[in-house]
């Protein structure tokens, strides 16, 4: 059960945008302590819930993103609570926060103060637009940060407004960047002895999913535009998402050394079922260049592929892709993820016991470092999401606060 970050203590002050960071560090073995206000994190009150009635202990959002953490309550907007947190930092290696720039400093917990008092502490700040720059003081959400990253510009149908993903992907991309930045800061600390301030912008983190689009625009002058289930080529638009019997698959009729073998194999697959025309079988794939096709030629090719895909299920097509070397992938929904043979074979989903009895099934750790028993891996889901204030007494006792003092703090509403 020992992980790469065993012995590292992390204080997690984040709200929903930063939840994933602490969860990843916890799966790596860090002792992550989720610090909430006494009334609880707002995510606890967000539906859906595991029951028909709202319950702060049964929010799916909370349970999904706060495993592998302990939990305590502390009122940081009270000077006594802020002072207690400053003391707690002396027992920690990392602090993660996603307050607006300057908010932590206003409490006496900014980088300059923390670094002066605890030179080895690593502080990670996650904000929509970073700590500095022209937008640093602006409010931002998942929608605004993916829009200003350029990511939203290319998603959706061309004749409609752009669309964001169902889930807040900027939280996840930025959360991973935070975890990576913290890890490197800890490695650097081993050499220098000093902590660092890791500054992560959700907007900048979302530039990376654009892949080459942003840099190519500088060279070509083409900013791109929405194409829906299609991709724009020099003389045509070509379908990338195709309907099948029970869902959708991703497949491209683009050429190039990486894709031509898959196109040849796909035509052979279709021919075995009597669904490849003489014209399709006669394509000279050695000279095939999708950039030079007219729209009429693209439509003729597409009609044959589309008709074939409609006769197959997602599973049938994906199995064929794996055995025949087709560059095809299913467009999975939660239904397909839950029934995935691959995920089942590697025991990806794990049952995490709850302190109240029973268990919850969770996605497993992001990596498997041991070929045998999953429990032997150094990256594991270590505990369920904490109940409100579940470990407050335990954490404070570890830093030397007496039971009487804890009772008084609770009476005064500090914890």
Foldseek 3Di string as FASTA:
>chain_A
DAFPQAPAEEEEAEALLQLQLLQQVLLRHYAYEDEAALVGGPQLQDDDFPDPDRDSVTHPSLQFRFFSYHYAYFDLVDLVRVVVVLLLQLVHAEYEYADQQPPCVVSVRDPVSSCVVRFRHAYEYEYQAKNDDDCSRPHDDLVRLLVLLLNQQAADAQVDHGDDDPDSVLSVLQNVVRNVVQVVQNVVCVVVVGGYYHITHSSPSNNCVVPCQVVVCVVPVDNDGYHYQWDDAQAEIAGQWADAQAAIKGAGPAADPLALQQLLLVLVVCVVVVLRDPVNPPDPSVPDHPNPDHHVVRVVVVVSVRVVRHHDDQVVVVVCCVVRVHPMHGPDDVVCVVVPPVCVVQVQWDWAADPVGGTDIHGWFPDQDDPPDSVPGSRTRDHTRYDYRNCHVVSVVVSPDDPVNVVVCVVVSRD
